[in-house]
Amino acid sequence: MSGEGKGAVTIEQHIAVPPGMVADFVGDFRNAGQWMVGVEGIEPLGEDLYRLEIDSPIGRIRPEVKVLEHNATTVRWAYASAVEGGGRVDIFPDANGGCRVSYEGEFHLKRGFLDRAARFVGAERFARTNGERSLFRLKHLMEARRLG
């Protein structure tokens, strides 16, 4: 997932909270519905394995997601069904006690004709918009928690 390509997005946002707070929140996939725009439901399936219900340009999809890495600076996951690709959030501390958060995501529906249909109806623009809104939502959630 380096750079931008078909079905890939890279977005950054500054968040005025300690990096560990962001890593802990994002790394617990049970929180995905709170910050990831388009995630309508989360079902834990086992250790670091979840089924998400996601609103997409071609309707609801229910991919399984496996968390591959979760530490103080990185949360990385891969789709295990319905969707190929995955996501990554990197958290970089700044000099003011906050952090810069970078999100990369890549997706392709496993069935070629569905993937083509999704691209036809603007899946890449949809993913970019949802990614931007997700990081904006994460920023506000984290900063509100810090104040509260």
N, C-alpha and C. Protein backbone atom coordinates (compact mmCIF):
# COMPACT_ATOMS: atom_id res chain seq x y z
N MET A 1 0.83 -1.18 0.00
CA MET A 1 0.00 0.00 0.00
C MET A 1 0.87 1.24 0.00
N SER A 2 1.65 1.39 -0.96
CA SER A 2 2.47 2.59 -1.02
C SER A 2 1.95 3.50 -2.11
N GLY A 3 1.72 4.75 -1.75
CA GLY A 3 1.26 5.72 -2.72
C GLY A 3 -0.17 5.50 -3.12
N GLU A 4 -0.55 6.16 -4.19
CA GLU A 4 -1.91 6.09 -4.67
C GLU A 4 -1.97 5.28 -5.95
N GLY A 5 -2.93 4.44 -6.04
CA GLY A 5 -3.15 3.65 -7.23
C GLY A 5 -4.61 3.29 -7.29
N LYS A 6 -4.95 2.35 -8.11
CA LYS A 6 -6.34 1.95 -8.19
C LYS A 6 -6.82 1.42 -6.85
N GLY A 7 -7.89 2.05 -6.33
CA GLY A 7 -8.47 1.61 -5.08
C GLY A 7 -7.63 1.97 -3.86
N ALA A 8 -6.61 2.82 -4.01
CA ALA A 8 -5.75 3.17 -2.88
C ALA A 8 -5.92 4.64 -2.52
N VAL A 9 -5.90 4.92 -1.23
CA VAL A 9 -5.94 6.30 -0.76
C VAL A 9 -4.90 6.48 0.33
N THR A 10 -4.34 7.68 0.43
CA THR A 10 -3.43 8.06 1.49
C THR A 10 -3.85 9.44 1.97
N ILE A 11 -4.08 9.56 3.28
CA ILE A 11 -4.61 10.80 3.86
C ILE A 11 -3.89 11.05 5.18
N GLU A 12 -3.67 12.32 5.53
CA GLU A 12 -3.05 12.67 6.80
C GLU A 12 -3.89 13.69 7.55
N GLN A 13 -3.74 13.68 8.89
CA GLN A 13 -4.47 14.62 9.75
C GLN A 13 -3.65 14.85 11.01
N HIS A 14 -3.58 16.07 11.49
CA HIS A 14 -2.94 16.36 12.77
C HIS A 14 -3.99 16.20 13.87
N ILE A 15 -3.61 15.54 14.97
CA ILE A 15 -4.51 15.35 16.11
C ILE A 15 -3.77 15.80 17.36
N ALA A 16 -4.40 16.68 18.13
CA ALA A 16 -3.76 17.28 19.31
C ALA A 16 -3.97 16.41 20.56
N VAL A 17 -3.56 15.16 20.48
CA VAL A 17 -3.56 14.24 21.63
C VAL A 17 -2.29 13.40 21.55
N PRO A 18 -1.89 12.81 22.67
CA PRO A 18 -0.69 11.95 22.65
C PRO A 18 -0.86 10.79 21.68
N PRO A 19 0.21 10.41 20.98
CA PRO A 19 0.14 9.33 19.99
C PRO A 19 -0.38 8.01 20.55
N GLY A 20 -0.01 7.67 21.78
CA GLY A 20 -0.46 6.40 22.36
C GLY A 20 -1.97 6.32 22.50
N MET A 21 -2.60 7.45 22.77
CA MET A 21 -4.06 7.48 22.89
C MET A 21 -4.72 7.13 21.56
N VAL A 22 -4.16 7.65 20.48
CA VAL A 22 -4.69 7.36 19.14
C VAL A 22 -4.45 5.89 18.78
N ALA A 23 -3.23 5.40 19.03
CA ALA A 23 -2.89 4.01 18.70
C ALA A 23 -3.77 3.03 19.47
N ASP A 24 -4.02 3.29 20.74
CA ASP A 24 -4.87 2.40 21.53
C ASP A 24 -6.29 2.37 20.99
N PHE A 25 -6.82 3.54 20.64
CA PHE A 25 -8.20 3.63 20.17
C PHE A 25 -8.36 2.97 18.80
N VAL A 26 -7.48 3.32 17.86
CA VAL A 26 -7.58 2.78 16.50
C VAL A 26 -7.28 1.28 16.49
N GLY A 27 -6.35 0.84 17.33
CA GLY A 27 -5.95 -0.57 17.36
C GLY A 27 -7.02 -1.50 17.89
N ASP A 28 -8.00 -0.97 18.61
CA ASP A 28 -9.12 -1.78 19.09
C ASP A 28 -10.22 -1.68 18.04
N PHE A 29 -10.31 -2.68 17.18
CA PHE A 29 -11.23 -2.61 16.04
C PHE A 29 -12.69 -2.52 16.45
N ARG A 30 -12.99 -2.80 17.71
CA ARG A 30 -14.37 -2.62 18.18
C ARG A 30 -14.77 -1.15 18.12
N ASN A 31 -13.79 -0.25 18.02
CA ASN A 31 -14.05 1.19 17.91
C ASN A 31 -14.22 1.65 16.46
N ALA A 32 -14.06 0.77 15.49
CA ALA A 32 -14.07 1.17 14.08
C ALA A 32 -15.34 1.92 13.70
N GLY A 33 -16.47 1.51 14.20
CA GLY A 33 -17.73 2.18 13.86
C GLY A 33 -17.81 3.60 14.37
N GLN A 34 -17.01 3.93 15.39
CA GLN A 34 -17.04 5.29 15.93
C GLN A 34 -16.26 6.27 15.07
N TRP A 35 -15.21 5.79 14.40
CA TRP A 35 -14.39 6.73 13.64
C TRP A 35 -14.34 6.45 12.14
N MET A 36 -14.56 5.21 11.71
CA MET A 36 -14.50 4.88 10.29
C MET A 36 -15.86 5.13 9.63
N VAL A 37 -15.93 6.15 8.81
CA VAL A 37 -17.16 6.47 8.10
C VAL A 37 -17.49 5.32 7.16
N GLY A 38 -18.72 4.86 7.20
CA GLY A 38 -19.17 3.76 6.34
C GLY A 38 -19.23 2.43 7.05
N VAL A 39 -18.58 2.30 8.21
CA VAL A 39 -18.65 1.06 8.99
C VAL A 39 -19.93 1.11 9.81
N GLU A 40 -20.83 0.19 9.51
CA GLU A 40 -22.14 0.18 10.15
C GLU A 40 -22.25 -0.85 11.26
N GLY A 41 -21.34 -1.81 11.29
CA GLY A 41 -21.38 -2.84 12.32
C GLY A 41 -20.06 -3.56 12.43
N ILE A 42 -19.76 -4.05 13.64
CA ILE A 42 -18.53 -4.79 13.92
C ILE A 42 -18.89 -6.01 14.73
N GLU A 43 -18.44 -7.17 14.26
CA GLU A 43 -18.67 -8.42 14.97
C GLU A 43 -17.31 -9.08 15.25
N PRO A 44 -16.91 -9.16 16.53
CA PRO A 44 -15.66 -9.87 16.84
C PRO A 44 -15.81 -11.36 16.51
N LEU A 45 -14.83 -11.93 15.81
CA LEU A 45 -14.88 -13.35 15.42
C LEU A 45 -13.82 -14.18 16.14
N GLY A 46 -12.83 -13.55 16.71
CA GLY A 46 -11.73 -14.24 17.37
C GLY A 46 -10.64 -13.24 17.66
N GLU A 47 -9.49 -13.73 18.07
CA GLU A 47 -8.39 -12.84 18.38
C GLU A 47 -7.96 -12.06 17.14
N ASP A 48 -8.12 -10.75 17.19
CA ASP A 48 -7.73 -9.85 16.10
C ASP A 48 -8.45 -10.13 14.78
N LEU A 49 -9.62 -10.76 14.84
CA LEU A 49 -10.41 -11.04 13.64
C LEU A 49 -11.83 -10.50 13.85
N TYR A 50 -12.31 -9.73 12.87
CA TYR A 50 -13.61 -9.09 12.96
C TYR A 50 -14.34 -9.19 11.64
N ARG A 51 -15.67 -9.12 11.71
CA ARG A 51 -16.47 -8.96 10.49
C ARG A 51 -17.07 -7.56 10.57
N LEU A 52 -16.82 -6.78 9.52
CA LEU A 52 -17.35 -5.43 9.45
C LEU A 52 -18.54 -5.41 8.50
N GLU A 53 -19.49 -4.58 8.78
CA GLU A 53 -20.55 -4.30 7.82
C GLU A 53 -20.27 -2.90 7.30
N ILE A 54 -20.00 -2.81 5.99
CA ILE A 54 -19.55 -1.56 5.40
C ILE A 54 -20.52 -1.12 4.31
N ASP A 55 -20.88 0.14 4.35
CA ASP A 55 -21.69 0.75 3.30
C ASP A 55 -20.75 1.08 2.14
N SER A 56 -21.06 0.59 0.96
CA SER A 56 -20.21 0.83 -0.21
C SER A 56 -21.07 1.40 -1.34
N PRO A 57 -20.44 1.87 -2.41
CA PRO A 57 -21.22 2.42 -3.53
C PRO A 57 -22.13 1.40 -4.20
N ILE A 58 -21.89 0.10 -3.97
CA ILE A 58 -22.76 -0.92 -4.59
C ILE A 58 -23.59 -1.65 -3.54
N GLY A 59 -23.71 -1.08 -2.35
CA GLY A 59 -24.50 -1.68 -1.28
C GLY A 59 -23.63 -2.12 -0.12
N ARG A 60 -24.24 -2.82 0.81
CA ARG A 60 -23.52 -3.27 2.00
C ARG A 60 -22.69 -4.51 1.70
N ILE A 61 -21.46 -4.50 2.22
CA ILE A 61 -20.60 -5.67 2.13
C ILE A 61 -20.17 -6.03 3.55
N ARG A 62 -19.80 -7.29 3.76
CA ARG A 62 -19.47 -7.78 5.10
C ARG A 62 -18.12 -8.52 5.08
N PRO A 63 -17.03 -7.78 4.90
CA PRO A 63 -15.72 -8.45 4.86
C PRO A 63 -15.22 -8.80 6.26
N GLU A 64 -14.42 -9.85 6.32
CA GLU A 64 -13.68 -10.16 7.54
C GLU A 64 -12.38 -9.36 7.49
N VAL A 65 -11.94 -8.90 8.66
CA VAL A 65 -10.74 -8.09 8.78
C VAL A 65 -9.84 -8.72 9.83
N LYS A 66 -8.57 -8.87 9.51
CA LYS A 66 -7.57 -9.40 10.43
C LYS A 66 -6.60 -8.28 10.78
N VAL A 67 -6.45 -7.99 12.09
CA VAL A 67 -5.46 -7.01 12.52
C VAL A 67 -4.10 -7.71 12.49
N LEU A 68 -3.19 -7.18 11.70
CA LEU A 68 -1.87 -7.79 11.51
C LEU A 68 -0.81 -7.19 12.42
N GLU A 69 -0.99 -5.93 12.78
CA GLU A 69 0.01 -5.24 13.59
C GLU A 69 -0.68 -4.17 14.40
N HIS A 70 -0.32 -4.08 15.68
CA HIS A 70 -0.84 -3.03 16.55
C HIS A 70 0.22 -2.71 17.58
N ASN A 71 0.83 -1.55 17.43
CA ASN A 71 1.82 -1.10 18.41
C ASN A 71 1.65 0.40 18.59
N ALA A 72 2.60 1.03 19.25
CA ALA A 72 2.48 2.45 19.60
C ALA A 72 2.53 3.39 18.39
N THR A 73 2.97 2.90 17.23
CA THR A 73 3.09 3.78 16.07
C THR A 73 2.32 3.30 14.84
N THR A 74 1.87 2.06 14.84
CA THR A 74 1.24 1.50 13.63
C THR A 74 0.10 0.56 13.99
N VAL A 75 -0.99 0.70 13.24
CA VAL A 75 -2.08 -0.28 13.25
C VAL A 75 -2.28 -0.68 11.80
N ARG A 76 -2.19 -1.99 11.52
CA ARG A 76 -2.27 -2.47 10.13
C ARG A 76 -3.23 -3.65 10.09
N TRP A 77 -4.09 -3.69 9.06
CA TRP A 77 -5.05 -4.77 8.91
C TRP A 77 -5.18 -5.17 7.45
N ALA A 78 -5.70 -6.38 7.25
CA ALA A 78 -5.96 -6.89 5.90
C ALA A 78 -7.36 -7.47 5.86
N TYR A 79 -7.99 -7.34 4.72
CA TYR A 79 -9.29 -7.96 4.52
C TYR A 79 -9.08 -9.44 4.24
N ALA A 80 -9.90 -10.28 4.87
CA ALA A 80 -9.76 -11.72 4.73
C ALA A 80 -10.86 -12.33 3.87
N SER A 81 -11.87 -11.56 3.52
CA SER A 81 -12.95 -12.07 2.67
C SER A 81 -13.66 -10.89 2.00
N ALA A 82 -14.32 -11.14 0.89
CA ALA A 82 -15.14 -10.19 0.13
C ALA A 82 -14.34 -9.04 -0.49
N VAL A 83 -13.32 -8.58 0.19
CA VAL A 83 -12.52 -7.45 -0.27
C VAL A 83 -11.06 -7.85 -0.21
N GLU A 84 -10.29 -7.46 -1.21
CA GLU A 84 -8.84 -7.64 -1.18
C GLU A 84 -8.22 -6.31 -0.82
N GLY A 85 -7.14 -6.34 -0.07
CA GLY A 85 -6.46 -5.12 0.33
C GLY A 85 -6.42 -5.02 1.83
N GLY A 86 -6.34 -3.81 2.32
CA GLY A 86 -6.27 -3.59 3.75
C GLY A 86 -6.06 -2.13 4.05
N GLY A 87 -5.63 -1.87 5.28
CA GLY A 87 -5.43 -0.50 5.70
C GLY A 87 -4.29 -0.40 6.69
N ARG A 88 -3.87 0.81 6.89
CA ARG A 88 -2.76 1.07 7.79
C ARG A 88 -2.92 2.48 8.34
N VAL A 89 -2.73 2.61 9.65
CA VAL A 89 -2.68 3.92 10.30
C VAL A 89 -1.32 4.02 10.96
N ASP A 90 -0.57 5.06 10.60
CA ASP A 90 0.71 5.34 11.24
C ASP A 90 0.56 6.61 12.05
N ILE A 91 1.14 6.60 13.27
CA ILE A 91 1.01 7.71 14.19
C ILE A 91 2.41 8.24 14.49
N PHE A 92 2.64 9.52 14.17
CA PHE A 92 3.94 10.15 14.34
C PHE A 92 3.83 11.25 15.39
N PRO A 93 4.58 11.16 16.49
CA PRO A 93 4.52 12.21 17.51
C PRO A 93 5.02 13.54 16.95
N ASP A 94 4.48 14.65 17.49
CA ASP A 94 5.00 15.95 17.12
C ASP A 94 5.59 16.63 18.36
N ALA A 95 6.20 17.78 18.17
CA ALA A 95 6.90 18.48 19.26
C ALA A 95 5.96 19.06 20.31
N ASN A 96 4.67 19.16 19.99
CA ASN A 96 3.71 19.78 20.90
C ASN A 96 2.90 18.78 21.71
N GLY A 97 3.28 17.51 21.70
CA GLY A 97 2.55 16.49 22.45
C GLY A 97 1.40 15.86 21.70
N GLY A 98 1.17 16.30 20.47
CA GLY A 98 0.14 15.71 19.62
C GLY A 98 0.76 14.75 18.64
N CYS A 99 0.07 14.52 17.54
CA CYS A 99 0.61 13.59 16.54
C CYS A 99 0.05 13.88 15.16
N ARG A 100 0.77 13.37 14.18
CA ARG A 100 0.31 13.38 12.79
C ARG A 100 -0.11 11.94 12.50
N VAL A 101 -1.33 11.79 12.00
CA VAL A 101 -1.87 10.47 11.71
C VAL A 101 -1.99 10.31 10.21
N SER A 102 -1.41 9.23 9.70
CA SER A 102 -1.46 8.93 8.27
C SER A 102 -2.28 7.66 8.08
N TYR A 103 -3.26 7.72 7.18
CA TYR A 103 -4.09 6.56 6.86
C TYR A 103 -3.82 6.16 5.41
N GLU A 104 -3.56 4.89 5.20
CA GLU A 104 -3.47 4.33 3.85
C GLU A 104 -4.48 3.19 3.76
N GLY A 105 -5.20 3.15 2.70
CA GLY A 105 -6.13 2.06 2.50
C GLY A 105 -6.14 1.63 1.05
N GLU A 106 -6.30 0.34 0.84
CA GLU A 106 -6.39 -0.21 -0.51
C GLU A 106 -7.47 -1.27 -0.50
N PHE A 107 -8.29 -1.26 -1.52
CA PHE A 107 -9.40 -2.21 -1.57
C PHE A 107 -9.73 -2.57 -3.01
N HIS A 108 -10.17 -3.79 -3.19
CA HIS A 108 -10.72 -4.27 -4.46
C HIS A 108 -11.73 -5.34 -4.07
N LEU A 109 -12.92 -5.26 -4.62
CA LEU A 109 -13.88 -6.33 -4.37
C LEU A 109 -13.38 -7.59 -5.04
N LYS A 110 -13.52 -8.74 -4.38
CA LYS A 110 -12.95 -9.98 -4.90
C LYS A 110 -13.57 -10.43 -6.21
N ARG A 111 -14.83 -10.17 -6.40
CA ARG A 111 -15.47 -10.56 -7.66
C ARG A 111 -15.24 -9.45 -8.67
N GLY A 112 -14.56 -9.79 -9.76
CA GLY A 112 -14.16 -8.81 -10.75
C GLY A 112 -15.28 -7.93 -11.26
N PHE A 113 -16.45 -8.52 -11.55
CA PHE A 113 -17.54 -7.71 -12.10
C PHE A 113 -18.07 -6.73 -11.06
N LEU A 114 -18.04 -7.10 -9.77
CA LEU A 114 -18.46 -6.17 -8.72
C LEU A 114 -17.43 -5.06 -8.55
N ASP A 115 -16.16 -5.41 -8.66
CA ASP A 115 -15.11 -4.40 -8.55
C ASP A 115 -15.23 -3.40 -9.70
N ARG A 116 -15.47 -3.89 -10.90
CA ARG A 116 -15.66 -2.99 -12.05
C ARG A 116 -16.89 -2.10 -11.86
N ALA A 117 -17.96 -2.68 -11.33
CA ALA A 117 -19.18 -1.90 -11.07
C ALA A 117 -18.91 -0.83 -10.02
N ALA A 118 -18.18 -1.19 -8.97
CA ALA A 118 -17.86 -0.23 -7.91
C ALA A 118 -17.03 0.92 -8.47
N ARG A 119 -16.06 0.61 -9.33
CA ARG A 119 -15.24 1.66 -9.92
C ARG A 119 -16.07 2.55 -10.85
N PHE A 120 -17.01 1.93 -11.55
CA PHE A 120 -17.88 2.68 -12.44
C PHE A 120 -18.70 3.71 -11.67
N VAL A 121 -19.18 3.35 -10.50
CA VAL A 121 -20.01 4.27 -9.72
C VAL A 121 -19.20 5.15 -8.78
N GLY A 122 -17.87 5.15 -8.91
CA GLY A 122 -17.05 6.10 -8.17
C GLY A 122 -16.51 5.61 -6.85
N ALA A 123 -16.11 4.35 -6.77
CA ALA A 123 -15.62 3.79 -5.50
C ALA A 123 -14.37 4.49 -5.00
N GLU A 124 -13.48 4.89 -5.90
CA GLU A 124 -12.25 5.54 -5.45
C GLU A 124 -12.54 6.90 -4.82
N ARG A 125 -13.41 7.68 -5.44
CA ARG A 125 -13.80 8.96 -4.87
C ARG A 125 -14.53 8.75 -3.55
N PHE A 126 -15.38 7.73 -3.50
CA PHE A 126 -16.12 7.37 -2.29
C PHE A 126 -15.13 7.02 -1.17
N ALA A 127 -14.11 6.21 -1.49
CA ALA A 127 -13.11 5.80 -0.49
C ALA A 127 -12.31 7.00 0.01
N ARG A 128 -11.91 7.87 -0.88
CA ARG A 128 -11.14 9.06 -0.48
C ARG A 128 -11.99 9.95 0.42
N THR A 129 -13.22 10.23 0.03
CA THR A 129 -14.10 11.07 0.84
C THR A 129 -14.33 10.45 2.21
N ASN A 130 -14.61 9.15 2.25
CA ASN A 130 -14.83 8.48 3.53
C ASN A 130 -13.56 8.47 4.37
N GLY A 131 -12.39 8.29 3.74
CA GLY A 131 -11.13 8.33 4.47
C GLY A 131 -10.89 9.70 5.09
N GLU A 132 -11.11 10.75 4.33
CA GLU A 132 -10.94 12.10 4.85
C GLU A 132 -11.91 12.37 6.00
N ARG A 133 -13.15 11.99 5.81
CA ARG A 133 -14.15 12.18 6.87
C ARG A 133 -13.83 11.33 8.09
N SER A 134 -13.28 10.14 7.88
CA SER A 134 -12.92 9.26 9.00
C SER A 134 -11.82 9.88 9.85
N LEU A 135 -10.76 10.40 9.22
CA LEU A 135 -9.69 11.01 10.00
C LEU A 135 -10.16 12.28 10.68
N PHE A 136 -11.04 13.03 10.06
CA PHE A 136 -11.62 14.22 10.68
C PHE A 136 -12.44 13.81 11.90
N ARG A 137 -13.22 12.76 11.76
CA ARG A 137 -14.02 12.24 12.88
C ARG A 137 -13.10 11.74 13.99
N LEU A 138 -12.04 11.02 13.64
CA LEU A 138 -11.08 10.53 14.63
C LEU A 138 -10.46 11.70 15.39
N LYS A 139 -10.08 12.74 14.67
CA LYS A 139 -9.50 13.93 15.29
C LYS A 139 -10.45 14.49 16.35
N HIS A 140 -11.70 14.67 15.99
CA HIS A 140 -12.65 15.26 16.92
C HIS A 140 -12.96 14.34 18.10
N LEU A 141 -13.06 13.05 17.85
CA LEU A 141 -13.28 12.10 18.95
C LEU A 141 -12.13 12.12 19.95
N MET A 142 -10.92 12.06 19.44
CA MET A 142 -9.74 12.01 20.30
C MET A 142 -9.55 13.32 21.07
N GLU A 143 -9.72 14.45 20.39
CA GLU A 143 -9.53 15.74 21.06
C GLU A 143 -10.64 15.99 22.09
N ALA A 144 -11.85 15.53 21.83
CA ALA A 144 -12.94 15.65 22.81
C ALA A 144 -12.66 14.77 24.04
N ARG A 145 -12.12 13.58 23.83
CA ARG A 145 -11.78 12.70 24.95
C ARG A 145 -10.68 13.31 25.82
N ARG A 146 -9.74 13.97 25.16
CA ARG A 146 -8.65 14.58 25.92
C ARG A 146 -9.17 15.69 26.82
N LEU A 147 -10.14 16.44 26.31
CA LEU A 147 -10.72 17.53 27.10
C LEU A 147 -11.66 17.02 28.17
N GLY A 148 -12.29 15.86 27.90
CA GLY A 148 -13.33 15.34 28.80
C GLY A 148 -12.84 14.53 29.89
